[in-house]
Amino acid sequence: MSPKNTTLRRVAVALAVAASLSACAVARDQETVGAYVDDAKITADIKTKMASDKDVAATSISVETLNGVTQLSGFAKSQGEKERASEIARQAKGVRAVRNDVIVRQAQ
């Protein structure tokens, strides 16, 4: 598979995940449809950047955004990976705040 197809597939997966994770927010009156679309784009952008970053295991870190506040959760192999994920999220356009709840797994 070509690098372009791989990138497109990653973006499509990230968008699908973002849509499925935050679809309930509109139904529960937590945000407007416009804000929901903005949040889904923020989440997809962050996941895409994480997927292309060699220092972050994007499949181990979940990203959710509500009203511009992005929450990271899951597991990281090191403190550096956790911090890098937070840095990627903070740099995304539209992010007002980042809540990093990623847990660093200790080496066994």
PDB file of N, CA and C in Angstrom:
ATOM      1  N   MET A   1       0.844  -1.166   0.000  1.00  0.00           N
ATOM      2  CA  MET A   1       0.000   0.000   0.000  1.00  0.00           C
ATOM      3  C   MET A   1       0.898   1.241   0.000  1.00  0.00           C
ATOM      4  N   SER A   2       0.531   2.235  -0.801  1.00  0.00           N
ATOM      5  CA  SER A   2       1.354   3.432  -0.897  1.00  0.00           C
ATOM      6  C   SER A   2       1.212   4.289   0.362  1.00  0.00           C
ATOM      7  N   PRO A   3       2.224   5.129   0.633  1.00  0.00           N
ATOM      8  CA  PRO A   3       2.153   6.004   1.818  1.00  0.00           C
ATOM      9  C   PRO A   3       0.926   6.919   1.796  1.00  0.00           C
ATOM     10  N   LYS A   4       0.537   7.379   0.601  1.00  0.00           N
ATOM     11  CA  LYS A   4      -0.625   8.261   0.487  1.00  0.00           C
ATOM     12  C   LYS A   4      -1.898   7.514   0.897  1.00  0.00           C
ATOM     13  N   ASN A   5      -2.045   6.270   0.433  1.00  0.00           N
ATOM     14  CA  ASN A   5      -3.223   5.475   0.802  1.00  0.00           C
ATOM     15  C   ASN A   5      -3.239   5.171   2.291  1.00  0.00           C
ATOM     16  N   THR A   6      -2.067   4.909   2.852  1.00  0.00           N
ATOM     17  CA  THR A   6      -1.977   4.633   4.290  1.00  0.00           C
ATOM     18  C   THR A   6      -2.422   5.853   5.082  1.00  0.00           C
ATOM     19  N   THR A   7      -1.963   7.032   4.682  1.00  0.00           N
ATOM     20  CA  THR A   7      -2.343   8.263   5.366  1.00  0.00           C
ATOM     21  C   THR A   7      -3.844   8.509   5.240  1.00  0.00           C
ATOM     22  N   LEU A   8      -4.398   8.319   4.061  1.00  0.00           N
ATOM     23  CA  LEU A   8      -5.836   8.509   3.860  1.00  0.00           C
ATOM     24  C   LEU A   8      -6.635   7.532   4.712  1.00  0.00           C
ATOM     25  N   ARG A   9      -6.167   6.302   4.794  1.00  0.00           N
ATOM     26  CA  ARG A   9      -6.854   5.304   5.616  1.00  0.00           C
ATOM     27  C   ARG A   9      -6.822   5.721   7.086  1.00  0.00           C
ATOM     28  N   ARG A  10      -5.673   6.216   7.557  1.00  0.00           N
ATOM     29  CA  ARG A  10      -5.557   6.660   8.950  1.00  0.00           C
ATOM     30  C   ARG A  10      -6.499   7.811   9.245  1.00  0.00           C
ATOM     31  N   VAL A  11      -6.594   8.753   8.309  1.00  0.00           N
ATOM     32  CA  VAL A  11      -7.491   9.894   8.500  1.00  0.00           C
ATOM     33  C   VAL A  11      -8.938   9.415   8.545  1.00  0.00           C
ATOM     34  N   ALA A  12      -9.302   8.511   7.645  1.00  0.00           N
ATOM     35  CA  ALA A  12     -10.669   7.987   7.622  1.00  0.00           C
ATOM     36  C   ALA A  12     -11.007   7.267   8.925  1.00  0.00           C
ATOM     37  N   VAL A  13     -10.080   6.475   9.416  1.00  0.00           N
ATOM     38  CA  VAL A  13     -10.303   5.762  10.677  1.00  0.00           C
ATOM     39  C   VAL A  13     -10.433   6.757  11.829  1.00  0.00           C
ATOM     40  N   ALA A  14      -9.566   7.760  11.851  1.00  0.00           N
ATOM     41  CA  ALA A  14      -9.615   8.754  12.920  1.00  0.00           C
ATOM     42  C   ALA A  14     -10.947   9.500  12.910  1.00  0.00           C
ATOM     43  N   LEU A  15     -11.440   9.857  11.730  1.00  0.00           N
ATOM     44  CA  LEU A  15     -12.728  10.540  11.635  1.00  0.00           C
ATOM     45  C   LEU A  15     -13.874   9.645  12.101  1.00  0.00           C
ATOM     46  N   ALA A  16     -13.839   8.381  11.715  1.00  0.00           N
ATOM     47  CA  ALA A  16     -14.881   7.447  12.135  1.00  0.00           C
ATOM     48  C   ALA A  16     -14.887   7.269  13.649  1.00  0.00           C
ATOM     49  N   VAL A  17     -13.708   7.137  14.223  1.00  0.00           N
ATOM     50  CA  VAL A  17     -13.605   6.982  15.676  1.00  0.00           C
ATOM     51  C   VAL A  17     -14.101   8.239  16.372  1.00  0.00           C
ATOM     52  N   ALA A  18     -13.683   9.394  15.879  1.00  0.00           N
ATOM     53  CA  ALA A  18     -14.101  10.655  16.497  1.00  0.00           C
ATOM     54  C   ALA A  18     -15.615  10.812  16.450  1.00  0.00           C
ATOM     55  N   ALA A  19     -16.205  10.480  15.329  1.00  0.00           N
ATOM     56  CA  ALA A  19     -17.658  10.608  15.190  1.00  0.00           C
ATOM     57  C   ALA A  19     -18.393   9.663  16.133  1.00  0.00           C
ATOM     58  N   SER A  20     -17.916   8.457  16.234  1.00  0.00           N
ATOM     59  CA  SER A  20     -18.610   7.491  17.085  1.00  0.00           C
ATOM     60  C   SER A  20     -18.450   7.798  18.567  1.00  0.00           C
ATOM     61  N   LEU A  21     -17.310   8.337  18.970  1.00  0.00           N
ATOM     62  CA  LEU A  21     -17.075   8.615  20.385  1.00  0.00           C
ATOM     63  C   LEU A  21     -17.832   9.831  20.901  1.00  0.00           C
ATOM     64  N   SER A  22     -18.047  10.810  20.037  1.00  0.00           N
ATOM     65  CA  SER A  22     -18.660  12.034  20.543  1.00  0.00           C
ATOM     66  C   SER A  22     -20.069  12.277  20.010  1.00  0.00           C
ATOM     67  N   ALA A  23     -20.669  11.312  19.339  1.00  0.00           N
ATOM     68  CA  ALA A  23     -22.014  11.485  18.781  1.00  0.00           C
ATOM     69  C   ALA A  23     -23.053  11.718  19.865  1.00  0.00           C
ATOM     70  N   CYS A  24     -22.866  11.175  21.024  1.00  0.00           N
ATOM     71  CA  CYS A  24     -23.846  11.307  22.105  1.00  0.00           C
ATOM     72  C   CYS A  24     -23.900  12.718  22.674  1.00  0.00           C
ATOM     73  N   ALA A  25     -22.873  13.507  22.502  1.00  0.00           N
ATOM     74  CA  ALA A  25     -22.817  14.834  23.100  1.00  0.00           C
ATOM     75  C   ALA A  25     -23.936  15.733  22.580  1.00  0.00           C
ATOM     76  N   VAL A  26     -24.250  15.664  21.295  1.00  0.00           N
ATOM     77  CA  VAL A  26     -25.313  16.486  20.729  1.00  0.00           C
ATOM     78  C   VAL A  26     -26.660  16.013  21.265  1.00  0.00           C
ATOM     79  N   ALA A  27     -26.858  14.706  21.314  1.00  0.00           N
ATOM     80  CA  ALA A  27     -28.127  14.159  21.789  1.00  0.00           C
ATOM     81  C   ALA A  27     -28.374  14.507  23.252  1.00  0.00           C
ATOM     82  N   ARG A  28     -27.343  14.675  24.046  1.00  0.00           N
ATOM     83  CA  ARG A  28     -27.489  15.006  25.466  1.00  0.00           C
ATOM     84  C   ARG A  28     -27.420  16.505  25.725  1.00  0.00           C
ATOM     85  N   ASP A  29     -27.509  17.300  24.666  1.00  0.00           N
ATOM     86  CA  ASP A  29     -27.490  18.764  24.770  1.00  0.00           C
ATOM     87  C   ASP A  29     -26.236  19.309  25.436  1.00  0.00           C
ATOM     88  N   GLN A  30     -25.112  18.619  25.257  1.00  0.00           N
ATOM     89  CA  GLN A  30     -23.856  19.118  25.810  1.00  0.00           C
ATOM     90  C   GLN A  30     -23.184  20.102  24.868  1.00  0.00           C
ATOM     91  N   GLU A  31     -23.532  20.051  23.585  1.00  0.00           N
ATOM     92  CA  GLU A  31     -22.969  20.998  22.632  1.00  0.00           C
ATOM     93  C   GLU A  31     -23.868  21.089  21.415  1.00  0.00           C
ATOM     94  N   THR A  32     -23.671  22.151  20.620  1.00  0.00           N
ATOM     95  CA  THR A  32     -24.452  22.337  19.404  1.00  0.00           C
ATOM     96  C   THR A  32     -23.890  21.461  18.297  1.00  0.00           C
ATOM     97  N   VAL A  33     -24.642  21.333  17.217  1.00  0.00           N
ATOM     98  CA  VAL A  33     -24.176  20.541  16.077  1.00  0.00           C
ATOM     99  C   VAL A  33     -22.902  21.149  15.508  1.00  0.00           C
ATOM    100  N   GLY A  34     -22.837  22.476  15.419  1.00  0.00           N
ATOM    101  CA  GLY A  34     -21.633  23.140  14.907  1.00  0.00           C
ATOM    102  C   GLY A  34     -20.416  22.862  15.770  1.00  0.00           C
ATOM    103  N   ALA A  35     -20.602  22.932  17.089  1.00  0.00           N
ATOM    104  CA  ALA A  35     -19.498  22.651  18.010  1.00  0.00           C
ATOM    105  C   ALA A  35     -19.095  21.187  17.921  1.00  0.00           C
ATOM    106  N   TYR A  36     -20.073  20.310  17.741  1.00  0.00           N
ATOM    107  CA  TYR A  36     -19.787  18.882  17.594  1.00  0.00           C
ATOM    108  C   TYR A  36     -18.900  18.631  16.378  1.00  0.00           C
ATOM    109  N   VAL A  37     -19.219  19.275  15.270  1.00  0.00           N
ATOM    110  CA  VAL A  37     -18.421  19.115  14.052  1.00  0.00           C
ATOM    111  C   VAL A  37     -17.008  19.649  14.283  1.00  0.00           C
ATOM    112  N   ASP A  38     -16.899  20.805  14.932  1.00  0.00           N
ATOM    113  CA  ASP A  38     -15.584  21.367  15.246  1.00  0.00           C
ATOM    114  C   ASP A  38     -14.782  20.409  16.132  1.00  0.00           C
ATOM    115  N   ASP A  39     -15.434  19.868  17.156  1.00  0.00           N
ATOM    116  CA  ASP A  39     -14.754  18.948  18.072  1.00  0.00           C
ATOM    117  C   ASP A  39     -14.320  17.673  17.360  1.00  0.00           C
ATOM    118  N   ALA A  40     -15.158  17.165  16.466  1.00  0.00           N
ATOM    119  CA  ALA A  40     -14.802  15.953  15.713  1.00  0.00           C
ATOM    120  C   ALA A  40     -13.582  16.212  14.838  1.00  0.00           C
ATOM    121  N   LYS A  41     -13.508  17.405  14.246  1.00  0.00           N
ATOM    122  CA  LYS A  41     -12.350  17.746  13.417  1.00  0.00           C
ATOM    123  C   LYS A  41     -11.090  17.866  14.274  1.00  0.00           C
ATOM    124  N   ILE A  42     -11.209  18.501  15.423  1.00  0.00           N
ATOM    125  CA  ILE A  42     -10.062  18.623  16.335  1.00  0.00           C
ATOM    126  C   ILE A  42      -9.554  17.231  16.706  1.00  0.00           C
ATOM    127  N   THR A  43     -10.467  16.357  17.110  1.00  0.00           N
ATOM    128  CA  THR A  43     -10.094  14.997  17.498  1.00  0.00           C
ATOM    129  C   THR A  43      -9.417  14.266  16.350  1.00  0.00           C
ATOM    130  N   ALA A  44      -9.994  14.365  15.161  1.00  0.00           N
ATOM    131  CA  ALA A  44      -9.413  13.693  13.990  1.00  0.00           C
ATOM    132  C   ALA A  44      -8.027  14.240  13.662  1.00  0.00           C
ATOM    133  N   ASP A  45      -7.872  15.561  13.752  1.00  0.00           N
ATOM    134  CA  ASP A  45      -6.563  16.170  13.480  1.00  0.00           C
ATOM    135  C   ASP A  45      -5.502  15.671  14.463  1.00  0.00           C
ATOM    136  N   ILE A  46      -5.870  15.601  15.737  1.00  0.00           N
ATOM    137  CA  ILE A  46      -4.925  15.139  16.755  1.00  0.00           C
ATOM    138  C   ILE A  46      -4.553  13.680  16.521  1.00  0.00           C
ATOM    139  N   LYS A  47      -5.560  12.835  16.269  1.00  0.00           N
ATOM    140  CA  LYS A  47      -5.287  11.413  16.038  1.00  0.00           C
ATOM    141  C   LYS A  47      -4.415  11.213  14.801  1.00  0.00           C
ATOM    142  N   THR A  48      -4.647  11.996  13.764  1.00  0.00           N
ATOM    143  CA  THR A  48      -3.837  11.898  12.547  1.00  0.00           C
ATOM    144  C   THR A  48      -2.392  12.280  12.825  1.00  0.00           C
ATOM    145  N   LYS A  49      -2.193  13.352  13.582  1.00  0.00           N
ATOM    146  CA  LYS A  49      -0.826  13.774  13.921  1.00  0.00           C
ATOM    147  C   LYS A  49      -0.139  12.757  14.821  1.00  0.00           C
ATOM    148  N   MET A  50      -0.893  12.163  15.744  1.00  0.00           N
ATOM    149  CA  MET A  50      -0.314  11.128  16.597  1.00  0.00           C
ATOM    150  C   MET A  50       0.073   9.895  15.779  1.00  0.00           C
ATOM    151  N   ALA A  51      -0.759   9.542  14.814  1.00  0.00           N
ATOM    152  CA  ALA A  51      -0.490   8.361  13.992  1.00  0.00           C
ATOM    153  C   ALA A  51       0.772   8.532  13.159  1.00  0.00           C
ATOM    154  N   SER A  52       1.089   9.762  12.809  1.00  0.00           N
ATOM    155  CA  SER A  52       2.282   9.987  11.991  1.00  0.00           C
ATOM    156  C   SER A  52       3.517  10.327  12.826  1.00  0.00           C
ATOM    157  N   ASP A  53       3.356  10.418  14.140  1.00  0.00           N
ATOM    158  CA  ASP A  53       4.475  10.738  15.027  1.00  0.00           C
ATOM    159  C   ASP A  53       5.147   9.455  15.497  1.00  0.00           C
ATOM    160  N   LYS A  54       6.445   9.347  15.296  1.00  0.00           N
ATOM    161  CA  LYS A  54       7.179   8.122  15.642  1.00  0.00           C
ATOM    162  C   LYS A  54       7.314   7.908  17.145  1.00  0.00           C
ATOM    163  N   ASP A  55       7.066   8.940  17.943  1.00  0.00           N
ATOM    164  CA  ASP A  55       7.232   8.834  19.392  1.00  0.00           C
ATOM    165  C   ASP A  55       5.938   8.543  20.154  1.00  0.00           C
ATOM    166  N   VAL A  56       4.810   8.460  19.431  1.00  0.00           N
ATOM    167  CA  VAL A  56       3.518   8.241  20.085  1.00  0.00           C
ATOM    168  C   VAL A  56       2.832   7.024  19.473  1.00  0.00           C
ATOM    169  N   ALA A  57       2.371   6.108  20.325  1.00  0.00           N
ATOM    170  CA  ALA A  57       1.595   4.948  19.875  1.00  0.00           C
ATOM    171  C   ALA A  57       0.126   5.370  19.857  1.00  0.00           C
ATOM    172  N   ALA A  58      -0.325   5.861  18.701  1.00  0.00           N
ATOM    173  CA  ALA A  58      -1.669   6.417  18.585  1.00  0.00           C
ATOM    174  C   ALA A  58      -2.764   5.411  18.917  1.00  0.00           C
ATOM    175  N   THR A  59      -2.505   4.140  18.728  1.00  0.00           N
ATOM    176  CA  THR A  59      -3.526   3.133  19.015  1.00  0.00           C
ATOM    177  C   THR A  59      -3.704   2.901  20.513  1.00  0.00           C
ATOM    178  N   SER A  60      -2.772   3.359  21.320  1.00  0.00           N
ATOM    179  CA  SER A  60      -2.852   3.166  22.773  1.00  0.00           C
ATOM    180  C   SER A  60      -3.394   4.384  23.513  1.00  0.00           C
ATOM    181  N   ILE A  61      -3.568   5.493  22.797  1.00  0.00           N
ATOM    182  CA  ILE A  61      -4.030   6.728  23.427  1.00  0.00           C
ATOM    183  C   ILE A  61      -5.333   7.172  22.772  1.00  0.00           C
ATOM    184  N   SER A  62      -6.362   7.329  23.583  1.00  0.00           N
ATOM    185  CA  SER A  62      -7.665   7.785  23.092  1.00  0.00           C
ATOM    186  C   SER A  62      -7.749   9.306  23.180  1.00  0.00           C
ATOM    187  N   VAL A  63      -8.478   9.872  22.234  1.00  0.00           N
ATOM    188  CA  VAL A  63      -8.648  11.326  22.188  1.00  0.00           C
ATOM    189  C   VAL A  63     -10.138  11.623  22.088  1.00  0.00           C
ATOM    190  N   GLU A  64     -10.623  12.496  22.963  1.00  0.00           N
ATOM    191  CA  GLU A  64     -11.999  12.965  22.904  1.00  0.00           C
ATOM    192  C   GLU A  64     -11.996  14.470  23.113  1.00  0.00           C
ATOM    193  N   THR A  65     -12.877  15.159  22.406  1.00  0.00           N
ATOM    194  CA  THR A  65     -12.946  16.614  22.520  1.00  0.00           C
ATOM    195  C   THR A  65     -14.393  17.034  22.741  1.00  0.00           C
ATOM    196  N   LEU A  66     -14.607  17.917  23.689  1.00  0.00           N
ATOM    197  CA  LEU A  66     -15.928  18.466  23.968  1.00  0.00           C
ATOM    198  C   LEU A  66     -15.780  19.957  24.219  1.00  0.00           C
ATOM    199  N   ASN A  67     -16.416  20.741  23.349  1.00  0.00           N
ATOM    200  CA  ASN A  67     -16.359  22.208  23.444  1.00  0.00           C
ATOM    201  C   ASN A  67     -14.923  22.730  23.467  1.00  0.00           C
ATOM    202  N   GLY A  68     -14.065  22.130  22.670  1.00  0.00           N
ATOM    203  CA  GLY A  68     -12.682  22.584  22.551  1.00  0.00           C
ATOM    204  C   GLY A  68     -11.735  22.077  23.616  1.00  0.00           C
ATOM    205  N   VAL A  69     -12.258  21.332  24.590  1.00  0.00           N
ATOM    206  CA  VAL A  69     -11.416  20.759  25.634  1.00  0.00           C
ATOM    207  C   VAL A  69     -11.130  19.303  25.245  1.00  0.00           C
ATOM    208  N   THR A  70      -9.865  19.002  25.066  1.00  0.00           N
ATOM    209  CA  THR A  70      -9.451  17.676  24.617  1.00  0.00           C
ATOM    210  C   THR A  70      -8.964  16.844  25.790  1.00  0.00           C
ATOM    211  N   GLN A  71      -9.468  15.605  25.859  1.00  0.00           N
ATOM    212  CA  GLN A  71      -9.050  14.682  26.908  1.00  0.00           C
ATOM    213  C   GLN A  71      -8.297  13.522  26.269  1.00  0.00           C
ATOM    214  N   LEU A  72      -7.117  13.253  26.809  1.00  0.00           N
ATOM    215  CA  LEU A  72      -6.304  12.120  26.380  1.00  0.00           C
ATOM    216  C   LEU A  72      -6.397  11.051  27.466  1.00  0.00           C
ATOM    217  N   SER A  73      -6.548   9.800  27.058  1.00  0.00           N
ATOM    218  CA  SER A  73      -6.573   8.697  28.012  1.00  0.00           C
ATOM    219  C   SER A  73      -5.946   7.477  27.367  1.00  0.00           C
ATOM    220  N   GLY A  74      -5.651   6.492  28.178  1.00  0.00           N
ATOM    221  CA  GLY A  74      -5.013   5.286  27.677  1.00  0.00           C
ATOM    222  C   GLY A  74      -3.682   5.074  28.356  1.00  0.00           C
ATOM    223  N   PHE A  75      -2.772   4.426  27.639  1.00  0.00           N
ATOM    224  CA  PHE A  75      -1.491   4.053  28.227  1.00  0.00           C
ATOM    225  C   PHE A  75      -0.328   4.469  27.338  1.00  0.00           C
ATOM    226  N   ALA A  76       0.743   4.915  27.984  1.00  0.00           N
ATOM    227  CA  ALA A  76       1.978   5.288  27.293  1.00  0.00           C
ATOM    228  C   ALA A  76       3.114   4.432  27.830  1.00  0.00           C
ATOM    229  N   LYS A  77       4.125   4.236  27.013  1.00  0.00           N
ATOM    230  CA  LYS A  77       5.293   3.451  27.422  1.00  0.00           C
ATOM    231  C   LYS A  77       6.274   4.260  28.263  1.00  0.00           C
ATOM    232  N   SER A  78       6.175   5.604  28.160  1.00  0.00           N
ATOM    233  CA  SER A  78       7.116   6.456  28.895  1.00  0.00           C
ATOM    234  C   SER A  78       6.471   7.811  29.170  1.00  0.00           C
ATOM    235  N   GLN A  79       7.078   8.543  30.106  1.00  0.00           N
ATOM    236  CA  GLN A  79       6.624   9.897  30.408  1.00  0.00           C
ATOM    237  C   GLN A  79       6.792  10.784  29.176  1.00  0.00           C
ATOM    238  N   GLY A  80       7.854  10.539  28.412  1.00  0.00           N
ATOM    239  CA  GLY A  80       8.099  11.310  27.194  1.00  0.00           C
ATOM    240  C   GLY A  80       6.982  11.136  26.173  1.00  0.00           C
ATOM    241  N   GLU A  81       6.486   9.902  26.029  1.00  0.00           N
ATOM    242  CA  GLU A  81       5.380   9.652  25.101  1.00  0.00           C
ATOM    243  C   GLU A  81       4.119  10.376  25.571  1.00  0.00           C
ATOM    244  N   LYS A  82       3.855  10.339  26.864  1.00  0.00           N
ATOM    245  CA  LYS A  82       2.691  11.034  27.429  1.00  0.00           C
ATOM    246  C   LYS A  82       2.792  12.535  27.158  1.00  0.00           C
ATOM    247  N   GLU A  83       3.957  13.101  27.400  1.00  0.00           N
ATOM    248  CA  GLU A  83       4.158  14.533  27.190  1.00  0.00           C
ATOM    249  C   GLU A  83       4.063  14.913  25.717  1.00  0.00           C
ATOM    250  N   ARG A  84       4.568  14.053  24.845  1.00  0.00           N
ATOM    251  CA  ARG A  84       4.501  14.326  23.406  1.00  0.00           C
ATOM    252  C   ARG A  84       3.050  14.312  22.931  1.00  0.00           C
ATOM    253  N   ALA A  85       2.248  13.379  23.428  1.00  0.00           N
ATOM    254  CA  ALA A  85       0.831  13.323  23.066  1.00  0.00           C
ATOM    255  C   ALA A  85       0.129  14.611  23.491  1.00  0.00           C
ATOM    256  N   SER A  86       0.446  15.086  24.672  1.00  0.00           N
ATOM    257  CA  SER A  86      -0.139  16.328  25.172  1.00  0.00           C
ATOM    258  C   SER A  86       0.286  17.516  24.315  1.00  0.00           C
ATOM    259  N   GLU A  87       1.539  17.530  23.923  1.00  0.00           N
ATOM    260  CA  GLU A  87       2.069  18.610  23.081  1.00  0.00           C
ATOM    261  C   GLU A  87       1.355  18.642  21.728  1.00  0.00           C
ATOM    262  N   ILE A  88       1.164  17.470  21.126  1.00  0.00           N
ATOM    263  CA  ILE A  88       0.455  17.387  19.844  1.00  0.00           C
ATOM    264  C   ILE A  88      -0.962  17.931  19.999  1.00  0.00           C
ATOM    265  N   ALA A  89      -1.631  17.537  21.071  1.00  0.00           N
ATOM    266  CA  ALA A  89      -3.003  18.000  21.304  1.00  0.00           C
ATOM    267  C   ALA A  89      -3.056  19.513  21.501  1.00  0.00           C
ATOM    268  N   ARG A  90      -2.132  20.057  22.295  1.00  0.00           N
ATOM    269  CA  ARG A  90      -2.126  21.506  22.548  1.00  0.00           C
ATOM    270  C   ARG A  90      -1.901  22.305  21.273  1.00  0.00           C
ATOM    271  N   GLN A  91      -1.161  21.757  20.320  1.00  0.00           N
ATOM    272  CA  GLN A  91      -0.835  22.475  19.090  1.00  0.00           C
ATOM    273  C   GLN A  91      -1.969  22.455  18.063  1.00  0.00           C
ATOM    274  N   ALA A  92      -2.973  21.616  18.281  1.00  0.00           N
ATOM    275  CA  ALA A  92      -4.066  21.505  17.314  1.00  0.00           C
ATOM    276  C   ALA A  92      -4.926  22.767  17.326  1.00  0.00           C
ATOM    277  N   LYS A  93      -5.314  23.197  16.156  1.00  0.00           N
ATOM    278  CA  LYS A  93      -6.137  24.393  16.025  1.00  0.00           C
ATOM    279  C   LYS A  93      -7.512  24.138  16.658  1.00  0.00           C
ATOM    280  N   GLY A  94      -7.954  25.084  17.481  1.00  0.00           N
ATOM    281  CA  GLY A  94      -9.273  24.997  18.099  1.00  0.00           C
ATOM    282  C   GLY A  94      -9.272  24.430  19.510  1.00  0.00           C
ATOM    283  N   VAL A  95      -8.141  23.900  19.955  1.00  0.00           N
ATOM    284  CA  VAL A  95      -8.066  23.327  21.301  1.00  0.00           C
ATOM    285  C   VAL A  95      -7.949  24.462  22.324  1.00  0.00           C
ATOM    286  N   ARG A  96      -8.866  24.473  23.292  1.00  0.00           N
ATOM    287  CA  ARG A  96      -8.838  25.481  24.356  1.00  0.00           C
ATOM    288  C   ARG A  96      -8.066  24.988  25.563  1.00  0.00           C
ATOM    289  N   ALA A  97      -8.113  23.677  25.802  1.00  0.00           N
ATOM    290  CA  ALA A  97      -7.411  23.088  26.953  1.00  0.00           C
ATOM    291  C   ALA A  97      -7.199  21.604  26.683  1.00  0.00           C
ATOM    292  N   VAL A  98      -6.195  21.035  27.349  1.00  0.00           N
ATOM    293  CA  VAL A  98      -5.907  19.605  27.231  1.00  0.00           C
ATOM    294  C   VAL A  98      -5.897  19.005  28.630  1.00  0.00           C
ATOM    295  N   ARG A  99      -6.621  17.911  28.777  1.00  0.00           N
ATOM    296  CA  ARG A  99      -6.621  17.146  30.025  1.00  0.00           C
ATOM    297  C   ARG A  99      -5.945  15.818  29.718  1.00  0.00           C
ATOM    298  N   ASN A 100      -4.764  15.627  30.247  1.00  0.00           N
ATOM    299  CA  ASN A 100      -3.981  14.429  29.932  1.00  0.00           C
ATOM    300  C   ASN A 100      -4.119  13.406  31.062  1.00  0.00           C
ATOM    301  N   ASP A 101      -4.969  12.402  30.825  1.00  0.00           N
ATOM    302  CA  ASP A 101      -5.194  11.334  31.799  1.00  0.00           C
ATOM    303  C   ASP A 101      -4.485  10.041  31.386  1.00  0.00           C
ATOM    304  N   VAL A 102      -3.494  10.157  30.519  1.00  0.00           N
ATOM    305  CA  VAL A 102      -2.732   8.984  30.074  1.00  0.00           C
ATOM    306  C   VAL A 102      -1.917   8.441  31.247  1.00  0.00           C
ATOM    307  N   ILE A 103      -1.900   7.131  31.364  1.00  0.00           N
ATOM    308  CA  ILE A 103      -1.148   6.452  32.429  1.00  0.00           C
ATOM    309  C   ILE A 103       0.130   5.881  31.834  1.00  0.00           C
ATOM    310  N   VAL A 104       1.254   6.150  32.484  1.00  0.00           N
ATOM    311  CA  VAL A 104       2.534   5.596  32.024  1.00  0.00           C
ATOM    312  C   VAL A 104       2.690   4.216  32.634  1.00  0.00           C
ATOM    313  N   ARG A 105       2.815   3.231  31.766  1.00  0.00           N
ATOM    314  CA  ARG A 105       3.015   1.856  32.235  1.00  0.00           C
ATOM    315  C   ARG A 105       4.452   1.661  32.638  1.00  0.00           C
ATOM    316  N   GLN A 106       4.642   1.054  33.770  1.00  0.00           N
ATOM    317  CA  GLN A 106       5.996   0.773  34.249  1.00  0.00           C
ATOM    318  C   GLN A 106       6.540  -0.456  33.534  1.00  0.00           C
ATOM    319  N   ALA A 107       7.826  -0.414  33.191  1.00  0.00           N
ATOM    320  CA  ALA A 107       8.467  -1.566  32.547  1.00  0.00           C
ATOM    321  C   ALA A 107       8.507  -2.735  33.516  1.00  0.00           C
ATOM    322  N   GLN A 108       8.222  -3.907  32.983  1.00  0.00           N
ATOM    323  CA  GLN A 108       8.212  -5.101  33.858  1.00  0.00           C
ATOM    324  C   GLN A 108       9.366  -5.993  33.565  1.00  0.00           C
TER     325      GLN A 108
END
